[in-house]
Amino acid sequence: MEVKPEVLEAVKKAAPEGRISCPVARKIAEEQGESPLMVGTACNQLKIKIKGCELGCFK
């Protein structure tokens, strides 16, 4: 899955310490008009951990 540069940039900006919370990741997906899976893929590519995810939205 190819991730748009805008999504990668939004994830990088939201996770300066290499971690991002599930609610923040879901908000990025909504703001970017993308699926949570796309944001999860961006996090994987950037080696950013999603913390506190209880819904299993991110893989």
PDB file of N, CA and C in Angstrom:
ATOM      1  N   MET A   1       0.850  -1.176   0.000  1.00  0.00           N
ATOM      2  CA  MET A   1       0.000   0.000   0.000  1.00  0.00           C
ATOM      3  C   MET A   1       0.898   1.241   0.000  1.00  0.00           C
ATOM      4  N   GLU A   2       0.634   2.128  -0.936  1.00  0.00           N
ATOM      5  CA  GLU A   2       1.411   3.360  -1.020  1.00  0.00           C
ATOM      6  C   GLU A   2       0.761   4.426  -0.146  1.00  0.00           C
ATOM      7  N   VAL A   3       1.575   5.051   0.676  1.00  0.00           N
ATOM      8  CA  VAL A   3       1.090   6.066   1.599  1.00  0.00           C
ATOM      9  C   VAL A   3       1.390   7.447   1.017  1.00  0.00           C
ATOM     10  N   LYS A   4       0.387   8.310   1.039  1.00  0.00           N
ATOM     11  CA  LYS A   4       0.562   9.667   0.525  1.00  0.00           C
ATOM     12  C   LYS A   4       1.560  10.433   1.397  1.00  0.00           C
ATOM     13  N   PRO A   5       2.375  11.274   0.778  1.00  0.00           N
ATOM     14  CA  PRO A   5       3.350  12.065   1.542  1.00  0.00           C
ATOM     15  C   PRO A   5       2.706  12.914   2.635  1.00  0.00           C
ATOM     16  N   GLU A   6       1.489  13.399   2.386  1.00  0.00           N
ATOM     17  CA  GLU A   6       0.798  14.221   3.384  1.00  0.00           C
ATOM     18  C   GLU A   6       0.495  13.420   4.649  1.00  0.00           C
ATOM     19  N   VAL A   7       0.148  12.160   4.466  1.00  0.00           N
ATOM     20  CA  VAL A   7      -0.150  11.300   5.614  1.00  0.00           C
ATOM     21  C   VAL A   7       1.141  11.018   6.388  1.00  0.00           C
ATOM     22  N   LEU A   8       2.207  10.712   5.674  1.00  0.00           N
ATOM     23  CA  LEU A   8       3.498  10.478   6.335  1.00  0.00           C
ATOM     24  C   LEU A   8       3.911  11.699   7.137  1.00  0.00           C
ATOM     25  N   GLU A   9       3.759  12.873   6.568  1.00  0.00           N
ATOM     26  CA  GLU A   9       4.155  14.105   7.250  1.00  0.00           C
ATOM     27  C   GLU A   9       3.305  14.350   8.488  1.00  0.00           C
ATOM     28  N   ALA A  10       2.005  14.123   8.385  1.00  0.00           N
ATOM     29  CA  ALA A  10       1.115  14.312   9.535  1.00  0.00           C
ATOM     30  C   ALA A  10       1.473  13.362  10.666  1.00  0.00           C
ATOM     31  N   VAL A  11       1.796  12.119  10.326  1.00  0.00           N
ATOM     32  CA  VAL A  11       2.171  11.135  11.345  1.00  0.00           C
ATOM     33  C   VAL A  11       3.506  11.539  11.986  1.00  0.00           C
ATOM     34  N   LYS A  12       4.476  11.926  11.182  1.00  0.00           N
ATOM     35  CA  LYS A  12       5.775  12.361  11.724  1.00  0.00           C
ATOM     36  C   LYS A  12       5.603  13.527  12.684  1.00  0.00           C
ATOM     37  N   LYS A  13       4.795  14.492  12.295  1.00  0.00           N
ATOM     38  CA  LYS A  13       4.574  15.689  13.112  1.00  0.00           C
ATOM     39  C   LYS A  13       3.909  15.333  14.448  1.00  0.00           C
ATOM     40  N   ALA A  14       2.998  14.364  14.425  1.00  0.00           N
ATOM     41  CA  ALA A  14       2.252  13.983  15.626  1.00  0.00           C
ATOM     42  C   ALA A  14       3.040  13.058  16.549  1.00  0.00           C
ATOM     43  N   ALA A  15       4.159  12.522  16.077  1.00  0.00           N
ATOM     44  CA  ALA A  15       4.910  11.533  16.869  1.00  0.00           C
ATOM     45  C   ALA A  15       6.394  11.866  16.953  1.00  0.00           C
ATOM     46  N   PRO A  16       6.742  13.016  17.530  1.00  0.00           N
ATOM     47  CA  PRO A  16       8.156  13.395  17.585  1.00  0.00           C
ATOM     48  C   PRO A  16       9.023  12.433  18.414  1.00  0.00           C
ATOM     49  N   GLU A  17       8.394  11.687  19.308  1.00  0.00           N
ATOM     50  CA  GLU A  17       9.149  10.749  20.155  1.00  0.00           C
ATOM     51  C   GLU A  17       9.040   9.314  19.661  1.00  0.00           C
ATOM     52  N   GLY A  18       8.485   9.129  18.456  1.00  0.00           N
ATOM     53  CA  GLY A  18       8.382   7.789  17.894  1.00  0.00           C
ATOM     54  C   GLY A  18       7.198   6.985  18.380  1.00  0.00           C
ATOM     55  N   ARG A  19       6.251   7.670  19.027  1.00  0.00           N
ATOM     56  CA  ARG A  19       5.035   7.010  19.507  1.00  0.00           C
ATOM     57  C   ARG A  19       3.851   7.918  19.247  1.00  0.00           C
ATOM     58  N   ILE A  20       2.709   7.294  19.026  1.00  0.00           N
ATOM     59  CA  ILE A  20       1.485   8.049  18.781  1.00  0.00           C
ATOM     60  C   ILE A  20       0.335   7.286  19.442  1.00  0.00           C
ATOM     61  N   SER A  21      -0.620   8.014  19.983  1.00  0.00           N
ATOM     62  CA  SER A  21      -1.753   7.343  20.621  1.00  0.00           C
ATOM     63  C   SER A  21      -2.781   6.947  19.565  1.00  0.00           C
ATOM     64  N   CYS A  22      -3.569   5.971  19.901  1.00  0.00           N
ATOM     65  CA  CYS A  22      -4.614   5.503  18.999  1.00  0.00           C
ATOM     66  C   CYS A  22      -5.591   6.620  18.631  1.00  0.00           C
ATOM     67  N   PRO A  23      -6.085   7.403  19.601  1.00  0.00           N
ATOM     68  CA  PRO A  23      -7.002   8.484  19.224  1.00  0.00           C
ATOM     69  C   PRO A  23      -6.380   9.508  18.270  1.00  0.00           C
ATOM     70  N   VAL A  24      -5.112   9.811  18.458  1.00  0.00           N
ATOM     71  CA  VAL A  24      -4.438  10.760  17.564  1.00  0.00           C
ATOM     72  C   VAL A  24      -4.303  10.156  16.168  1.00  0.00           C
ATOM     73  N   ALA A  25      -3.949   8.895  16.091  1.00  0.00           N
ATOM     74  CA  ALA A  25      -3.825   8.229  14.791  1.00  0.00           C
ATOM     75  C   ALA A  25      -5.169   8.199  14.069  1.00  0.00           C
ATOM     76  N   ARG A  26      -6.231   7.936  14.791  1.00  0.00           N
ATOM     77  CA  ARG A  26      -7.565   7.921  14.175  1.00  0.00           C
ATOM     78  C   ARG A  26      -7.964   9.317  13.718  1.00  0.00           C
ATOM     79  N   LYS A  27      -7.586  10.346  14.473  1.00  0.00           N
ATOM     80  CA  LYS A  27      -7.884  11.722  14.089  1.00  0.00           C
ATOM     81  C   LYS A  27      -7.133  12.092  12.807  1.00  0.00           C
ATOM     82  N   ILE A  28      -5.881  11.664  12.700  1.00  0.00           N
ATOM     83  CA  ILE A  28      -5.112  11.917  11.481  1.00  0.00           C
ATOM     84  C   ILE A  28      -5.808  11.264  10.296  1.00  0.00           C
ATOM     85  N   ALA A  29      -6.255  10.038  10.453  1.00  0.00           N
ATOM     86  CA  ALA A  29      -6.945   9.341   9.375  1.00  0.00           C
ATOM     87  C   ALA A  29      -8.186  10.126   8.939  1.00  0.00           C
ATOM     88  N   GLU A  30      -8.945  10.596   9.899  1.00  0.00           N
ATOM     89  CA  GLU A  30     -10.153  11.353   9.595  1.00  0.00           C
ATOM     90  C   GLU A  30      -9.817  12.670   8.889  1.00  0.00           C
ATOM     91  N   GLU A  31      -8.847  13.399   9.423  1.00  0.00           N
ATOM     92  CA  GLU A  31      -8.458  14.685   8.838  1.00  0.00           C
ATOM     93  C   GLU A  31      -7.900  14.538   7.424  1.00  0.00           C
ATOM     94  N   GLN A  32      -7.202  13.442   7.178  1.00  0.00           N
ATOM     95  CA  GLN A  32      -6.593  13.221   5.870  1.00  0.00           C
ATOM     96  C   GLN A  32      -7.548  12.536   4.888  1.00  0.00           C
ATOM     97  N   GLY A  33      -8.714  12.126   5.383  1.00  0.00           N
ATOM     98  CA  GLY A  33      -9.676  11.431   4.528  1.00  0.00           C
ATOM     99  C   GLY A  33      -9.195  10.043   4.131  1.00  0.00           C
ATOM    100  N   GLU A  34      -8.435   9.424   5.021  1.00  0.00           N
ATOM    101  CA  GLU A  34      -7.862   8.106   4.766  1.00  0.00           C
ATOM    102  C   GLU A  34      -8.366   7.118   5.807  1.00  0.00           C
ATOM    103  N   SER A  35      -8.136   5.846   5.547  1.00  0.00           N
ATOM    104  CA  SER A  35      -8.530   4.806   6.494  1.00  0.00           C
ATOM    105  C   SER A  35      -7.501   4.705   7.618  1.00  0.00           C
ATOM    106  N   PRO A  36      -7.925   4.175   8.774  1.00  0.00           N
ATOM    107  CA  PRO A  36      -6.955   3.927   9.836  1.00  0.00           C
ATOM    108  C   PRO A  36      -5.835   2.985   9.366  1.00  0.00           C
ATOM    109  N   LEU A  37      -6.166   2.068   8.462  1.00  0.00           N
ATOM    110  CA  LEU A  37      -5.146   1.157   7.938  1.00  0.00           C
ATOM    111  C   LEU A  37      -4.035   1.926   7.225  1.00  0.00           C
ATOM    112  N   MET A  38      -4.390   2.972   6.492  1.00  0.00           N
ATOM    113  CA  MET A  38      -3.395   3.788   5.804  1.00  0.00           C
ATOM    114  C   MET A  38      -2.467   4.474   6.814  1.00  0.00           C
ATOM    115  N   VAL A  39      -3.053   4.997   7.887  1.00  0.00           N
ATOM    116  CA  VAL A  39      -2.238   5.644   8.922  1.00  0.00           C
ATOM    117  C   VAL A  39      -1.373   4.597   9.620  1.00  0.00           C
ATOM    118  N   GLY A  40      -1.920   3.422   9.852  1.00  0.00           N
ATOM    119  CA  GLY A  40      -1.134   2.333  10.444  1.00  0.00           C
ATOM    120  C   GLY A  40       0.032   1.947   9.552  1.00  0.00           C
ATOM    121  N   THR A  41      -0.185   1.921   8.257  1.00  0.00           N
ATOM    122  CA  THR A  41       0.888   1.616   7.305  1.00  0.00           C
ATOM    123  C   THR A  41       1.956   2.701   7.355  1.00  0.00           C
ATOM    124  N   ALA A  42       1.526   3.956   7.446  1.00  0.00           N
ATOM    125  CA  ALA A  42       2.480   5.067   7.566  1.00  0.00           C
ATOM    126  C   ALA A  42       3.319   4.907   8.827  1.00  0.00           C
ATOM    127  N   CYS A  43       2.674   4.554   9.927  1.00  0.00           N
ATOM    128  CA  CYS A  43       3.398   4.350  11.184  1.00  0.00           C
ATOM    129  C   CYS A  43       4.412   3.216  11.042  1.00  0.00           C
ATOM    130  N   ASN A  44       4.011   2.144  10.403  1.00  0.00           N
ATOM    131  CA  ASN A  44       4.934   1.022  10.197  1.00  0.00           C
ATOM    132  C   ASN A  44       6.134   1.459   9.370  1.00  0.00           C
ATOM    133  N   GLN A  45       5.904   2.200   8.299  1.00  0.00           N
ATOM    134  CA  GLN A  45       6.994   2.650   7.443  1.00  0.00           C
ATOM    135  C   GLN A  45       7.953   3.575   8.186  1.00  0.00           C
ATOM    136  N   LEU A  46       7.396   4.386   9.084  1.00  0.00           N
ATOM    137  CA  LEU A  46       8.208   5.349   9.832  1.00  0.00           C
ATOM    138  C   LEU A  46       8.740   4.780  11.148  1.00  0.00           C
ATOM    139  N   LYS A  47       8.421   3.513  11.419  1.00  0.00           N
ATOM    140  CA  LYS A  47       8.840   2.848  12.670  1.00  0.00           C
ATOM    141  C   LYS A  47       8.295   3.571  13.906  1.00  0.00           C
ATOM    142  N   ILE A  48       7.036   4.015  13.797  1.00  0.00           N
ATOM    143  CA  ILE A  48       6.364   4.702  14.899  1.00  0.00           C
ATOM    144  C   ILE A  48       5.381   3.731  15.537  1.00  0.00           C
ATOM    145  N   LYS A  49       5.431   3.639  16.858  1.00  0.00           N
ATOM    146  CA  LYS A  49       4.567   2.737  17.606  1.00  0.00           C
ATOM    147  C   LYS A  49       3.239   3.420  17.911  1.00  0.00           C
ATOM    148  N   ILE A  50       2.140   2.666  17.776  1.00  0.00           N
ATOM    149  CA  ILE A  50       0.828   3.154  18.171  1.00  0.00           C
ATOM    150  C   ILE A  50       0.544   2.584  19.546  1.00  0.00           C
ATOM    151  N   LYS A  51       0.301   3.478  20.500  1.00  0.00           N
ATOM    152  CA  LYS A  51       0.080   3.028  21.879  1.00  0.00           C
ATOM    153  C   LYS A  51      -1.386   3.180  22.268  1.00  0.00           C
ATOM    154  N   GLY A  52      -1.822   2.334  23.144  1.00  0.00           N
ATOM    155  CA  GLY A  52      -3.167   2.418  23.691  1.00  0.00           C
ATOM    156  C   GLY A  52      -4.273   2.062  22.710  1.00  0.00           C
ATOM    157  N   CYS A  53      -3.989   1.219  21.732  1.00  0.00           N
ATOM    158  CA  CYS A  53      -5.017   0.838  20.762  1.00  0.00           C
ATOM    159  C   CYS A  53      -5.760  -0.388  21.290  1.00  0.00           C
ATOM    160  N   GLU A  54      -7.039  -0.211  21.541  1.00  0.00           N
ATOM    161  CA  GLU A  54      -7.852  -1.310  22.064  1.00  0.00           C
ATOM    162  C   GLU A  54      -8.828  -1.857  21.029  1.00  0.00           C
ATOM    163  N   LEU A  55      -8.988  -1.158  19.933  1.00  0.00           N
ATOM    164  CA  LEU A  55      -9.994  -1.549  18.956  1.00  0.00           C
ATOM    165  C   LEU A  55      -9.450  -2.416  17.840  1.00  0.00           C
ATOM    166  N   GLY A  56      -8.139  -2.498  17.725  1.00  0.00           N
ATOM    167  CA  GLY A  56      -7.546  -3.286  16.650  1.00  0.00           C
ATOM    168  C   GLY A  56      -7.660  -2.628  15.286  1.00  0.00           C
ATOM    169  N   CYS A  57      -7.761  -1.301  15.259  1.00  0.00           N
ATOM    170  CA  CYS A  57      -7.903  -0.571  13.996  1.00  0.00           C
ATOM    171  C   CYS A  57      -6.602  -0.550  13.212  1.00  0.00           C
ATOM    172  N   PHE A  58      -5.491  -0.632  13.900  1.00  0.00           N
ATOM    173  CA  PHE A  58      -4.192  -0.479  13.267  1.00  0.00           C
ATOM    174  C   PHE A  58      -3.460  -1.805  13.270  1.00  0.00           C
ATOM    175  N   LYS A  59      -2.846  -2.121  12.117  1.00  0.00           N
ATOM    176  CA  LYS A  59      -2.129  -3.375  11.991  1.00  0.00           C
ATOM    177  C   LYS A  59      -0.737  -3.119  11.514  1.00  0.00           C
TER     178      LYS A  59
END
